[in-house]
Amino acid sequence: MSGPRFIVLEGGDATGKSTQVERLAARLRERDLQVVTSFEPGATPLGRRVRELLLHGEDAVDPIAEALLMAADRAQHVAEVVRPTLASGAWLVSDRFVPSSLAYQGVGRGLGVAEVEQLNQLATAGIEPDLVIVLDLSPDAARTRIGTGRDRLEGEHDAFALAVHEGYRDLARARGWVLVDADRSPDEVADEIWSVVCDRCDL
């Protein structure tokens, strides 16, 4: 093991990403590693305003505008959190990064994976995660977990949720992301994530 690592936990809504980010960070800290956790969208002051527009705004958002807003949030996240954290020698564990845009806007909105990826190459200045873990949960199971009080993306129609879910699966197979079954207890999911991280990051 050498140098800091950038690990991203991905997946559709209600897959337990934020819980698993914290659990993974805690286990890494037990190995005496310096670890920072983050998330998208909304980890910076600018990002919080973008998040409010995207998830809770009353106006309809055009798919291209949505992709651009996500990229703007990500560019600021890279500048304020991702790059400084990795430069400091700390590990970074993030709830979402570029894979979210590929699945949600590239596939779910039909903008095209290649087109959305090109946009995000500018936003990230080429920074890529060392490891992407996708928490895999069917749209039906996710809908049960979400219940009421959904944000704009969580409240999308079933076809959108299914497209995002299948998009994540297809992208994971094509790009070497690790799929983890999220339809289990948090402890079981955390144990599998830890096993993957130990294997992939030589812990």
N, C-alpha and C. Protein backbone atom coordinates (compact mmCIF):
# COMPACT_ATOMS: atom_id res chain seq x y z
N MET A 1 0.85 -1.19 0.00
CA MET A 1 0.00 0.00 0.00
C MET A 1 0.88 1.24 0.00
N SER A 2 0.63 2.15 -0.93
CA SER A 2 1.42 3.37 -0.97
C SER A 2 0.55 4.54 -1.40
N GLY A 3 0.64 5.64 -0.67
CA GLY A 3 -0.07 6.85 -1.04
C GLY A 3 -1.55 6.81 -0.72
N PRO A 4 -2.18 7.98 -0.82
CA PRO A 4 -3.61 8.08 -0.53
C PRO A 4 -4.45 7.40 -1.60
N ARG A 5 -5.64 7.00 -1.24
CA ARG A 5 -6.57 6.38 -2.18
C ARG A 5 -7.88 7.16 -2.20
N PHE A 6 -8.49 7.16 -3.37
CA PHE A 6 -9.78 7.83 -3.58
C PHE A 6 -10.80 6.75 -3.88
N ILE A 7 -11.71 6.52 -2.93
CA ILE A 7 -12.73 5.48 -3.05
C ILE A 7 -14.10 6.12 -3.16
N VAL A 8 -14.89 5.67 -4.12
CA VAL A 8 -16.23 6.22 -4.33
C VAL A 8 -17.26 5.12 -4.16
N LEU A 9 -18.27 5.41 -3.35
CA LEU A 9 -19.42 4.52 -3.22
C LEU A 9 -20.57 5.08 -4.04
N GLU A 10 -21.11 4.25 -4.90
CA GLU A 10 -22.13 4.67 -5.85
C GLU A 10 -23.39 3.83 -5.71
N GLY A 11 -24.41 4.21 -6.47
CA GLY A 11 -25.65 3.45 -6.51
C GLY A 11 -26.84 4.37 -6.60
N GLY A 12 -28.00 3.79 -6.84
CA GLY A 12 -29.23 4.57 -6.91
C GLY A 12 -29.62 5.12 -5.55
N ASP A 13 -30.78 5.73 -5.50
CA ASP A 13 -31.25 6.32 -4.25
C ASP A 13 -31.61 5.22 -3.25
N ALA A 14 -31.38 5.52 -1.96
CA ALA A 14 -31.77 4.65 -0.85
C ALA A 14 -30.99 3.34 -0.80
N THR A 15 -29.79 3.33 -1.35
CA THR A 15 -28.98 2.11 -1.30
C THR A 15 -28.10 2.04 -0.06
N GLY A 16 -28.07 3.10 0.74
CA GLY A 16 -27.29 3.09 1.97
C GLY A 16 -25.88 3.62 1.82
N LYS A 17 -25.64 4.42 0.80
CA LYS A 17 -24.28 4.91 0.52
C LYS A 17 -23.70 5.71 1.68
N SER A 18 -24.45 6.66 2.20
CA SER A 18 -23.90 7.54 3.24
C SER A 18 -23.54 6.74 4.49
N THR A 19 -24.37 5.76 4.85
CA THR A 19 -24.07 4.90 5.99
C THR A 19 -22.78 4.12 5.75
N GLN A 20 -22.65 3.56 4.57
CA GLN A 20 -21.48 2.74 4.27
C GLN A 20 -20.20 3.57 4.12
N VAL A 21 -20.32 4.80 3.67
CA VAL A 21 -19.16 5.70 3.63
C VAL A 21 -18.59 5.87 5.03
N GLU A 22 -19.45 6.13 6.00
CA GLU A 22 -18.98 6.35 7.37
C GLU A 22 -18.43 5.06 7.98
N ARG A 23 -19.06 3.95 7.70
CA ARG A 23 -18.56 2.67 8.23
C ARG A 23 -17.19 2.33 7.65
N LEU A 24 -17.02 2.55 6.36
CA LEU A 24 -15.74 2.28 5.73
C LEU A 24 -14.66 3.21 6.29
N ALA A 25 -14.99 4.48 6.42
CA ALA A 25 -14.02 5.44 6.95
C ALA A 25 -13.58 5.04 8.36
N ALA A 26 -14.52 4.58 9.17
CA ALA A 26 -14.18 4.17 10.54
C ALA A 26 -13.21 3.00 10.53
N ARG A 27 -13.42 2.05 9.65
CA ARG A 27 -12.53 0.90 9.58
C ARG A 27 -11.15 1.29 9.07
N LEU A 28 -11.10 2.20 8.13
CA LEU A 28 -9.80 2.67 7.64
C LEU A 28 -9.04 3.40 8.73
N ARG A 29 -9.76 4.18 9.53
CA ARG A 29 -9.10 4.90 10.64
C ARG A 29 -8.55 3.94 11.69
N GLU A 30 -9.19 2.79 11.83
CA GLU A 30 -8.67 1.78 12.75
C GLU A 30 -7.32 1.25 12.28
N ARG A 31 -7.02 1.44 11.01
CA ARG A 31 -5.71 1.07 10.46
C ARG A 31 -4.72 2.24 10.53
N ASP A 32 -5.09 3.25 11.32
CA ASP A 32 -4.25 4.44 11.51
C ASP A 32 -4.05 5.24 10.22
N LEU A 33 -5.05 5.21 9.36
CA LEU A 33 -5.02 6.01 8.15
C LEU A 33 -5.80 7.30 8.37
N GLN A 34 -5.31 8.38 7.78
CA GLN A 34 -6.05 9.63 7.80
C GLN A 34 -7.10 9.57 6.70
N VAL A 35 -8.37 9.79 7.06
CA VAL A 35 -9.47 9.61 6.12
C VAL A 35 -10.41 10.81 6.17
N VAL A 36 -10.79 11.29 4.99
CA VAL A 36 -11.79 12.35 4.85
C VAL A 36 -12.98 11.75 4.11
N THR A 37 -14.19 12.07 4.56
CA THR A 37 -15.40 11.65 3.85
C THR A 37 -16.05 12.85 3.18
N SER A 38 -16.70 12.60 2.06
CA SER A 38 -17.38 13.68 1.35
C SER A 38 -18.57 13.11 0.59
N PHE A 39 -19.23 13.97 -0.18
CA PHE A 39 -20.43 13.55 -0.90
C PHE A 39 -20.72 14.54 -2.02
N GLU A 40 -21.57 14.11 -2.94
CA GLU A 40 -22.07 14.98 -4.02
C GLU A 40 -23.56 14.73 -4.22
N PRO A 41 -24.28 15.73 -4.64
CA PRO A 41 -23.87 17.14 -4.70
C PRO A 41 -24.00 17.82 -3.34
N GLY A 42 -23.26 18.91 -3.15
CA GLY A 42 -23.48 19.76 -1.99
C GLY A 42 -22.40 19.81 -0.93
N ALA A 43 -21.19 19.35 -1.22
CA ALA A 43 -20.15 19.32 -0.19
C ALA A 43 -19.44 20.66 0.00
N THR A 44 -19.70 21.63 -0.86
CA THR A 44 -19.09 22.96 -0.76
C THR A 44 -20.19 24.01 -0.66
N PRO A 45 -19.85 25.24 -0.27
CA PRO A 45 -20.89 26.28 -0.23
C PRO A 45 -21.60 26.46 -1.57
N LEU A 46 -20.84 26.49 -2.66
CA LEU A 46 -21.47 26.57 -3.98
C LEU A 46 -22.31 25.33 -4.25
N GLY A 47 -21.76 24.18 -3.88
CA GLY A 47 -22.46 22.92 -4.10
C GLY A 47 -23.78 22.84 -3.36
N ARG A 48 -23.85 23.43 -2.18
CA ARG A 48 -25.11 23.41 -1.44
C ARG A 48 -26.20 24.16 -2.18
N ARG A 49 -25.82 25.25 -2.83
CA ARG A 49 -26.82 26.00 -3.61
C ARG A 49 -27.24 25.21 -4.85
N VAL A 50 -26.27 24.54 -5.47
CA VAL A 50 -26.59 23.70 -6.63
C VAL A 50 -27.51 22.56 -6.21
N ARG A 51 -27.21 21.94 -5.07
CA ARG A 51 -28.03 20.84 -4.58
C ARG A 51 -29.47 21.27 -4.35
N GLU A 52 -29.64 22.46 -3.78
CA GLU A 52 -30.99 22.96 -3.53
C GLU A 52 -31.74 23.14 -4.85
N LEU A 53 -31.07 23.68 -5.85
CA LEU A 53 -31.70 23.86 -7.16
C LEU A 53 -32.07 22.52 -7.79
N LEU A 54 -31.15 21.57 -7.71
CA LEU A 54 -31.35 20.29 -8.38
C LEU A 54 -32.41 19.42 -7.71
N LEU A 55 -32.37 19.37 -6.39
CA LEU A 55 -33.21 18.40 -5.69
C LEU A 55 -34.49 18.98 -5.12
N HIS A 56 -34.50 20.29 -4.86
CA HIS A 56 -35.66 20.85 -4.17
C HIS A 56 -36.24 22.07 -4.86
N GLY A 57 -35.69 22.44 -6.01
CA GLY A 57 -36.22 23.58 -6.75
C GLY A 57 -37.60 23.28 -7.31
N GLU A 58 -38.40 24.32 -7.46
CA GLU A 58 -39.77 24.15 -7.96
C GLU A 58 -39.83 24.14 -9.49
N ASP A 59 -38.82 24.71 -10.13
CA ASP A 59 -38.83 24.79 -11.59
C ASP A 59 -38.34 23.48 -12.22
N ALA A 60 -38.91 23.15 -13.37
CA ALA A 60 -38.43 21.99 -14.13
C ALA A 60 -37.00 22.26 -14.60
N VAL A 61 -36.17 21.23 -14.57
CA VAL A 61 -34.77 21.37 -14.97
C VAL A 61 -34.54 20.56 -16.24
N ASP A 62 -34.07 21.23 -17.28
CA ASP A 62 -33.74 20.55 -18.54
C ASP A 62 -32.62 19.54 -18.29
N PRO A 63 -32.65 18.37 -18.93
CA PRO A 63 -31.61 17.37 -18.71
C PRO A 63 -30.19 17.87 -18.93
N ILE A 64 -29.99 18.69 -19.96
CA ILE A 64 -28.65 19.22 -20.20
C ILE A 64 -28.26 20.19 -19.09
N ALA A 65 -29.20 21.02 -18.66
CA ALA A 65 -28.92 21.93 -17.54
C ALA A 65 -28.60 21.13 -16.28
N GLU A 66 -29.32 20.04 -16.07
CA GLU A 66 -29.06 19.18 -14.91
C GLU A 66 -27.64 18.63 -14.95
N ALA A 67 -27.21 18.16 -16.11
CA ALA A 67 -25.86 17.62 -16.24
C ALA A 67 -24.80 18.70 -16.01
N LEU A 68 -25.07 19.90 -16.50
CA LEU A 68 -24.12 21.00 -16.31
C LEU A 68 -24.05 21.43 -14.85
N LEU A 69 -25.18 21.46 -14.17
CA LEU A 69 -25.18 21.81 -12.76
C LEU A 69 -24.43 20.76 -11.94
N MET A 70 -24.64 19.50 -12.25
CA MET A 70 -23.90 18.44 -11.56
C MET A 70 -22.40 18.59 -11.79
N ALA A 71 -22.03 18.93 -13.02
CA ALA A 71 -20.61 19.10 -13.34
C ALA A 71 -20.03 20.32 -12.62
N ALA A 72 -20.82 21.38 -12.49
CA ALA A 72 -20.36 22.57 -11.76
C ALA A 72 -20.12 22.23 -10.30
N ASP A 73 -21.06 21.51 -9.70
CA ASP A 73 -20.87 21.06 -8.31
C ASP A 73 -19.60 20.23 -8.19
N ARG A 74 -19.39 19.35 -9.15
CA ARG A 74 -18.23 18.44 -9.10
C ARG A 74 -16.92 19.21 -9.27
N ALA A 75 -16.89 20.18 -10.15
CA ALA A 75 -15.67 20.97 -10.34
C ALA A 75 -15.28 21.67 -9.04
N GLN A 76 -16.27 22.22 -8.33
CA GLN A 76 -15.99 22.89 -7.06
C GLN A 76 -15.58 21.88 -5.99
N HIS A 77 -16.21 20.72 -6.01
CA HIS A 77 -15.87 19.64 -5.08
C HIS A 77 -14.42 19.20 -5.27
N VAL A 78 -14.01 19.06 -6.53
CA VAL A 78 -12.63 18.68 -6.82
C VAL A 78 -11.66 19.76 -6.33
N ALA A 79 -12.00 21.02 -6.60
CA ALA A 79 -11.11 22.12 -6.23
C ALA A 79 -10.99 22.30 -4.72
N GLU A 80 -12.11 22.15 -4.00
CA GLU A 80 -12.12 22.45 -2.56
C GLU A 80 -11.88 21.23 -1.67
N VAL A 81 -12.22 20.04 -2.16
CA VAL A 81 -12.16 18.86 -1.29
C VAL A 81 -11.26 17.76 -1.86
N VAL A 82 -11.54 17.31 -3.06
CA VAL A 82 -10.86 16.12 -3.59
C VAL A 82 -9.37 16.35 -3.75
N ARG A 83 -9.01 17.36 -4.51
CA ARG A 83 -7.58 17.59 -4.77
C ARG A 83 -6.80 17.92 -3.49
N PRO A 84 -7.29 18.84 -2.63
CA PRO A 84 -6.55 19.13 -1.40
C PRO A 84 -6.41 17.92 -0.47
N THR A 85 -7.46 17.11 -0.38
CA THR A 85 -7.40 15.93 0.48
C THR A 85 -6.33 14.96 0.01
N LEU A 86 -6.34 14.63 -1.26
CA LEU A 86 -5.36 13.69 -1.79
C LEU A 86 -3.94 14.26 -1.72
N ALA A 87 -3.82 15.57 -1.94
CA ALA A 87 -2.50 16.21 -1.87
C ALA A 87 -1.94 16.17 -0.45
N SER A 88 -2.82 16.14 0.54
CA SER A 88 -2.38 16.11 1.94
C SER A 88 -1.92 14.72 2.37
N GLY A 89 -2.18 13.72 1.54
CA GLY A 89 -1.82 12.36 1.88
C GLY A 89 -2.93 11.56 2.54
N ALA A 90 -4.10 12.17 2.70
CA ALA A 90 -5.23 11.47 3.31
C ALA A 90 -5.99 10.66 2.28
N TRP A 91 -6.69 9.65 2.76
CA TRP A 91 -7.62 8.90 1.92
C TRP A 91 -8.93 9.66 1.84
N LEU A 92 -9.61 9.53 0.71
CA LEU A 92 -10.91 10.17 0.54
C LEU A 92 -11.95 9.11 0.18
N VAL A 93 -13.05 9.10 0.94
CA VAL A 93 -14.17 8.21 0.65
C VAL A 93 -15.38 9.09 0.36
N SER A 94 -15.90 9.01 -0.85
CA SER A 94 -16.97 9.91 -1.27
C SER A 94 -18.25 9.16 -1.63
N ASP A 95 -19.35 9.74 -1.21
CA ASP A 95 -20.69 9.30 -1.60
C ASP A 95 -21.01 10.01 -2.91
N ARG A 96 -20.77 9.34 -4.02
CA ARG A 96 -20.99 9.79 -5.40
C ARG A 96 -19.79 10.56 -5.97
N PHE A 97 -19.64 10.40 -7.29
CA PHE A 97 -18.67 11.16 -8.08
C PHE A 97 -19.13 11.02 -9.54
N VAL A 98 -18.22 11.04 -10.48
CA VAL A 98 -18.59 11.02 -11.91
C VAL A 98 -19.52 9.86 -12.27
N PRO A 99 -19.34 8.65 -11.72
CA PRO A 99 -20.25 7.57 -12.10
C PRO A 99 -21.73 7.91 -11.94
N SER A 100 -22.06 8.75 -10.96
CA SER A 100 -23.47 9.15 -10.80
C SER A 100 -23.98 9.88 -12.03
N SER A 101 -23.17 10.77 -12.57
CA SER A 101 -23.60 11.51 -13.75
C SER A 101 -23.73 10.60 -14.97
N LEU A 102 -22.83 9.63 -15.08
CA LEU A 102 -22.92 8.70 -16.20
C LEU A 102 -24.21 7.90 -16.14
N ALA A 103 -24.59 7.47 -14.93
CA ALA A 103 -25.80 6.65 -14.77
C ALA A 103 -27.07 7.49 -14.84
N TYR A 104 -27.08 8.62 -14.13
CA TYR A 104 -28.30 9.42 -14.04
C TYR A 104 -28.54 10.27 -15.29
N GLN A 105 -27.54 11.02 -15.69
CA GLN A 105 -27.74 11.89 -16.86
C GLN A 105 -27.39 11.18 -18.17
N GLY A 106 -26.29 10.42 -18.18
CA GLY A 106 -25.90 9.74 -19.40
C GLY A 106 -26.90 8.69 -19.84
N VAL A 107 -27.32 7.84 -18.89
CA VAL A 107 -28.26 6.77 -19.20
C VAL A 107 -29.70 7.18 -18.88
N GLY A 108 -29.94 7.56 -17.63
CA GLY A 108 -31.31 7.87 -17.21
C GLY A 108 -31.96 8.97 -18.00
N ARG A 109 -31.22 10.04 -18.27
CA ARG A 109 -31.76 11.16 -19.05
C ARG A 109 -31.54 10.99 -20.55
N GLY A 110 -30.76 9.99 -20.92
CA GLY A 110 -30.56 9.72 -22.34
C GLY A 110 -29.60 10.67 -23.04
N LEU A 111 -28.72 11.33 -22.27
CA LEU A 111 -27.79 12.28 -22.89
C LEU A 111 -26.59 11.58 -23.52
N GLY A 112 -26.36 10.35 -23.15
CA GLY A 112 -25.22 9.60 -23.69
C GLY A 112 -24.07 9.57 -22.71
N VAL A 113 -23.56 8.37 -22.44
CA VAL A 113 -22.46 8.22 -21.49
C VAL A 113 -21.22 8.96 -21.96
N ALA A 114 -20.86 8.83 -23.23
CA ALA A 114 -19.64 9.48 -23.75
C ALA A 114 -19.74 10.99 -23.64
N GLU A 115 -20.91 11.54 -23.93
CA GLU A 115 -21.08 12.99 -23.88
C GLU A 115 -20.97 13.50 -22.45
N VAL A 116 -21.61 12.82 -21.52
CA VAL A 116 -21.55 13.24 -20.12
C VAL A 116 -20.14 13.04 -19.56
N GLU A 117 -19.48 11.99 -19.98
CA GLU A 117 -18.12 11.75 -19.52
C GLU A 117 -17.17 12.85 -20.00
N GLN A 118 -17.34 13.28 -21.23
CA GLN A 118 -16.50 14.36 -21.75
C GLN A 118 -16.69 15.64 -20.95
N LEU A 119 -17.92 15.96 -20.62
CA LEU A 119 -18.21 17.13 -19.80
C LEU A 119 -17.52 17.03 -18.44
N ASN A 120 -17.53 15.85 -17.86
CA ASN A 120 -16.96 15.67 -16.53
C ASN A 120 -15.45 15.58 -16.53
N GLN A 121 -14.84 15.27 -17.66
CA GLN A 121 -13.38 15.32 -17.74
C GLN A 121 -12.89 16.74 -17.52
N LEU A 122 -13.64 17.69 -18.02
CA LEU A 122 -13.30 19.10 -17.78
C LEU A 122 -13.51 19.45 -16.31
N ALA A 123 -14.61 18.99 -15.74
CA ALA A 123 -14.94 19.32 -14.35
C ALA A 123 -13.94 18.74 -13.36
N THR A 124 -13.41 17.56 -13.65
CA THR A 124 -12.53 16.88 -12.70
C THR A 124 -11.05 17.07 -13.00
N ALA A 125 -10.74 17.69 -14.12
CA ALA A 125 -9.34 17.85 -14.55
C ALA A 125 -8.63 16.50 -14.58
N GLY A 126 -9.38 15.46 -14.92
CA GLY A 126 -8.77 14.14 -15.10
C GLY A 126 -8.63 13.30 -13.85
N ILE A 127 -9.06 13.80 -12.69
CA ILE A 127 -8.97 13.01 -11.47
C ILE A 127 -9.99 11.87 -11.53
N GLU A 128 -9.52 10.66 -11.25
CA GLU A 128 -10.39 9.48 -11.25
C GLU A 128 -10.24 8.71 -9.95
N PRO A 129 -11.29 8.07 -9.50
CA PRO A 129 -11.20 7.26 -8.27
C PRO A 129 -10.28 6.05 -8.48
N ASP A 130 -9.68 5.61 -7.39
CA ASP A 130 -8.90 4.38 -7.43
C ASP A 130 -9.82 3.16 -7.39
N LEU A 131 -10.99 3.33 -6.79
CA LEU A 131 -11.93 2.22 -6.64
C LEU A 131 -13.35 2.76 -6.61
N VAL A 132 -14.22 2.16 -7.41
CA VAL A 132 -15.65 2.50 -7.41
C VAL A 132 -16.43 1.25 -7.00
N ILE A 133 -17.23 1.39 -5.94
CA ILE A 133 -18.08 0.31 -5.46
C ILE A 133 -19.53 0.74 -5.64
N VAL A 134 -20.30 -0.05 -6.36
CA VAL A 134 -21.70 0.27 -6.64
C VAL A 134 -22.59 -0.58 -5.74
N LEU A 135 -23.38 0.08 -4.90
CA LEU A 135 -24.35 -0.62 -4.06
C LEU A 135 -25.58 -0.90 -4.91
N ASP A 136 -25.84 -2.16 -5.13
CA ASP A 136 -26.86 -2.60 -6.09
C ASP A 136 -28.16 -2.95 -5.37
N LEU A 137 -29.22 -2.21 -5.70
CA LEU A 137 -30.53 -2.43 -5.07
C LEU A 137 -31.60 -2.21 -6.13
N SER A 138 -32.55 -3.11 -6.23
CA SER A 138 -33.59 -2.98 -7.24
C SER A 138 -34.43 -1.73 -7.00
N PRO A 139 -34.97 -1.13 -8.05
CA PRO A 139 -35.83 0.05 -7.89
C PRO A 139 -37.01 -0.20 -6.96
N ASP A 140 -37.59 -1.40 -7.00
CA ASP A 140 -38.72 -1.70 -6.12
C ASP A 140 -38.30 -1.66 -4.65
N ALA A 141 -37.17 -2.27 -4.34
CA ALA A 141 -36.68 -2.26 -2.96
C ALA A 141 -36.31 -0.84 -2.53
N ALA A 142 -35.72 -0.07 -3.44
CA ALA A 142 -35.35 1.31 -3.12
C ALA A 142 -36.59 2.15 -2.84
N ARG A 143 -37.63 1.95 -3.63
CA ARG A 143 -38.87 2.71 -3.46
C ARG A 143 -39.47 2.45 -2.07
N THR A 144 -39.40 1.21 -1.62
CA THR A 144 -39.91 0.87 -0.30
C THR A 144 -39.12 1.58 0.79
N ARG A 145 -37.80 1.65 0.62
CA ARG A 145 -36.96 2.33 1.61
C ARG A 145 -37.21 3.83 1.64
N ILE A 146 -37.42 4.43 0.47
CA ILE A 146 -37.58 5.88 0.39
C ILE A 146 -38.87 6.32 1.05
N GLY A 147 -39.97 5.63 0.76
CA GLY A 147 -41.26 6.01 1.32
C GLY A 147 -41.71 7.36 0.80
N THR A 148 -42.21 8.20 1.69
CA THR A 148 -42.66 9.54 1.30
C THR A 148 -41.54 10.55 1.49
N GLY A 149 -41.79 11.78 1.11
CA GLY A 149 -40.82 12.85 1.30
C GLY A 149 -39.65 12.78 0.34
N ARG A 150 -39.92 12.38 -0.89
CA ARG A 150 -38.86 12.23 -1.88
C ARG A 150 -38.41 13.58 -2.43
N ASP A 151 -37.11 13.66 -2.81
CA ASP A 151 -36.65 14.85 -3.52
C ASP A 151 -36.97 14.67 -5.01
N ARG A 152 -36.54 15.62 -5.83
CA ARG A 152 -36.94 15.62 -7.24
C ARG A 152 -36.47 14.37 -7.97
N LEU A 153 -35.23 13.94 -7.75
CA LEU A 153 -34.72 12.76 -8.45
C LEU A 153 -35.33 11.48 -7.89
N GLU A 154 -35.51 11.42 -6.56
CA GLU A 154 -36.12 10.23 -5.97
C GLU A 154 -37.56 10.05 -6.42
N GLY A 155 -38.22 11.15 -6.76
CA GLY A 155 -39.61 11.10 -7.16
C GLY A 155 -39.83 10.87 -8.64
N GLU A 156 -38.76 10.60 -9.38
CA GLU A 156 -38.90 10.37 -10.82
C GLU A 156 -39.71 9.10 -11.10
N HIS A 157 -40.20 8.98 -12.32
CA HIS A 157 -41.03 7.84 -12.70
C HIS A 157 -40.23 6.54 -12.69
N ASP A 158 -40.94 5.42 -12.67
CA ASP A 158 -40.31 4.11 -12.54
C ASP A 158 -39.34 3.81 -13.67
N ALA A 159 -39.65 4.25 -14.89
CA ALA A 159 -38.78 3.97 -16.03
C ALA A 159 -37.41 4.62 -15.84
N PHE A 160 -37.39 5.81 -15.26
CA PHE A 160 -36.12 6.49 -15.00
C PHE A 160 -35.30 5.72 -13.98
N ALA A 161 -35.92 5.31 -12.88
CA ALA A 161 -35.21 4.56 -11.84
C ALA A 161 -34.66 3.25 -12.39
N LEU A 162 -35.43 2.59 -13.24
CA LEU A 162 -34.97 1.33 -13.82
C LEU A 162 -33.80 1.56 -14.77
N ALA A 163 -33.87 2.64 -15.56
CA ALA A 163 -32.78 2.95 -16.48
C ALA A 163 -31.49 3.24 -15.73
N VAL A 164 -31.59 4.00 -14.63
CA VAL A 164 -30.41 4.30 -13.81
C VAL A 164 -29.83 3.02 -13.22
N HIS A 165 -30.70 2.18 -12.70
CA HIS A 165 -30.26 0.91 -12.10
C HIS A 165 -29.54 0.04 -13.13
N GLU A 166 -30.13 -0.12 -14.29
CA GLU A 166 -29.49 -0.93 -15.33
C GLU A 166 -28.23 -0.25 -15.86
N GLY A 167 -28.25 1.08 -15.90
CA GLY A 167 -27.07 1.82 -16.32
C GLY A 167 -25.89 1.56 -15.41
N TYR A 168 -26.12 1.60 -14.10
CA TYR A 168 -25.05 1.30 -13.15
C TYR A 168 -24.50 -0.11 -13.37
N ARG A 169 -25.39 -1.07 -13.56
CA ARG A 169 -24.94 -2.45 -13.74
C ARG A 169 -24.10 -2.61 -15.00
N ASP A 170 -24.58 -2.04 -16.09
CA ASP A 170 -23.84 -2.14 -17.35
C ASP A 170 -22.49 -1.43 -17.27
N LEU A 171 -22.48 -0.25 -16.68
CA LEU A 171 -21.23 0.49 -16.55
C LEU A 171 -20.24 -0.24 -15.64
N ALA A 172 -20.75 -0.83 -14.58
CA ALA A 172 -19.87 -1.56 -13.65
C ALA A 172 -19.19 -2.71 -14.37
N ARG A 173 -19.95 -3.44 -15.14
CA ARG A 173 -19.37 -4.59 -15.87
C ARG A 173 -18.34 -4.12 -16.90
N ALA A 174 -18.62 -3.01 -17.54
CA ALA A 174 -17.73 -2.52 -18.60
C ALA A 174 -16.47 -1.85 -18.06
N ARG A 175 -16.56 -1.29 -16.85
CA ARG A 175 -15.46 -0.45 -16.35
C ARG A 175 -14.74 -1.02 -15.13
N GLY A 176 -15.11 -2.20 -14.70
CA GLY A 176 -14.41 -2.79 -13.58
C GLY A 176 -14.81 -2.26 -12.22
N TRP A 177 -15.98 -1.62 -12.15
CA TRP A 177 -16.49 -1.22 -10.84
C TRP A 177 -17.00 -2.47 -10.13
N VAL A 178 -16.99 -2.44 -8.81
CA VAL A 178 -17.41 -3.60 -8.03
C VAL A 178 -18.87 -3.46 -7.62
N LEU A 179 -19.68 -4.44 -7.98
CA LEU A 179 -21.09 -4.46 -7.59
C LEU A 179 -21.24 -5.19 -6.26
N VAL A 180 -21.92 -4.55 -5.32
CA VAL A 180 -22.18 -5.16 -4.01
C VAL A 180 -23.69 -5.18 -3.79
N ASP A 181 -24.23 -6.33 -3.46
CA ASP A 181 -25.66 -6.48 -3.21
C ASP A 181 -26.04 -5.68 -1.96
N ALA A 182 -26.87 -4.65 -2.14
CA ALA A 182 -27.26 -3.79 -1.02
C ALA A 182 -28.57 -4.21 -0.38
N ASP A 183 -29.18 -5.28 -0.87
CA ASP A 183 -30.45 -5.75 -0.31
C ASP A 183 -30.18 -6.74 0.83
N ARG A 184 -29.34 -6.30 1.77
CA ARG A 184 -28.96 -7.09 2.94
C ARG A 184 -28.83 -6.15 4.12
N SER A 185 -28.49 -6.69 5.27
CA SER A 185 -28.31 -5.85 6.45
C SER A 185 -27.10 -4.94 6.25
N PRO A 186 -27.10 -3.76 6.90
CA PRO A 186 -25.94 -2.86 6.79
C PRO A 186 -24.63 -3.53 7.20
N ASP A 187 -24.68 -4.42 8.19
CA ASP A 187 -23.46 -5.10 8.62
C ASP A 187 -22.91 -6.01 7.52
N GLU A 188 -23.80 -6.74 6.85
CA GLU A 188 -23.35 -7.63 5.78
C GLU A 188 -22.77 -6.84 4.62
N VAL A 189 -23.42 -5.72 4.28
CA VAL A 189 -22.92 -4.88 3.19
C VAL A 189 -21.55 -4.30 3.56
N ALA A 190 -21.44 -3.82 4.80
CA ALA A 190 -20.18 -3.22 5.25
C ALA A 190 -19.04 -4.23 5.21
N ASP A 191 -19.33 -5.47 5.60
CA ASP A 191 -18.29 -6.50 5.60
C ASP A 191 -17.80 -6.79 4.18
N GLU A 192 -18.73 -6.83 3.23
CA GLU A 192 -18.30 -7.10 1.85
C GLU A 192 -17.50 -5.93 1.29
N ILE A 193 -17.95 -4.70 1.59
CA ILE A 193 -17.20 -3.53 1.13
C ILE A 193 -15.78 -3.56 1.70
N TRP A 194 -15.65 -3.88 2.97
CA TRP A 194 -14.34 -3.92 3.60
C TRP A 194 -13.46 -4.98 2.94
N SER A 195 -14.03 -6.12 2.63
CA SER A 195 -13.27 -7.18 1.96
C SER A 195 -12.77 -6.70 0.60
N VAL A 196 -13.62 -6.00 -0.14
CA VAL A 196 -13.24 -5.48 -1.45
C VAL A 196 -12.11 -4.46 -1.32
N VAL A 197 -12.25 -3.55 -0.36
CA VAL A 197 -11.24 -2.50 -0.18
C VAL A 197 -9.90 -3.11 0.24
N CYS A 198 -9.93 -4.07 1.16
CA CYS A 198 -8.68 -4.72 1.57
C CYS A 198 -7.99 -5.38 0.39
N ASP A 199 -8.78 -6.01 -0.46
CA ASP A 199 -8.21 -6.70 -1.62
C ASP A 199 -7.68 -5.73 -2.66
N ARG A 200 -8.47 -4.73 -2.99
CA ARG A 200 -8.10 -3.81 -4.07
C ARG A 200 -7.05 -2.79 -3.64
N CYS A 201 -7.01 -2.46 -2.36
CA CYS A 201 -6.09 -1.41 -1.89
C CYS A 201 -4.93 -1.98 -1.08
N ASP A 202 -4.78 -3.29 -1.10
CA ASP A 202 -3.63 -3.95 -0.46
C ASP A 202 -3.52 -3.63 1.02
N LEU A 203 -4.63 -3.70 1.73
CA LEU A 203 -4.61 -3.45 3.17
C LEU A 203 -4.33 -4.74 3.94
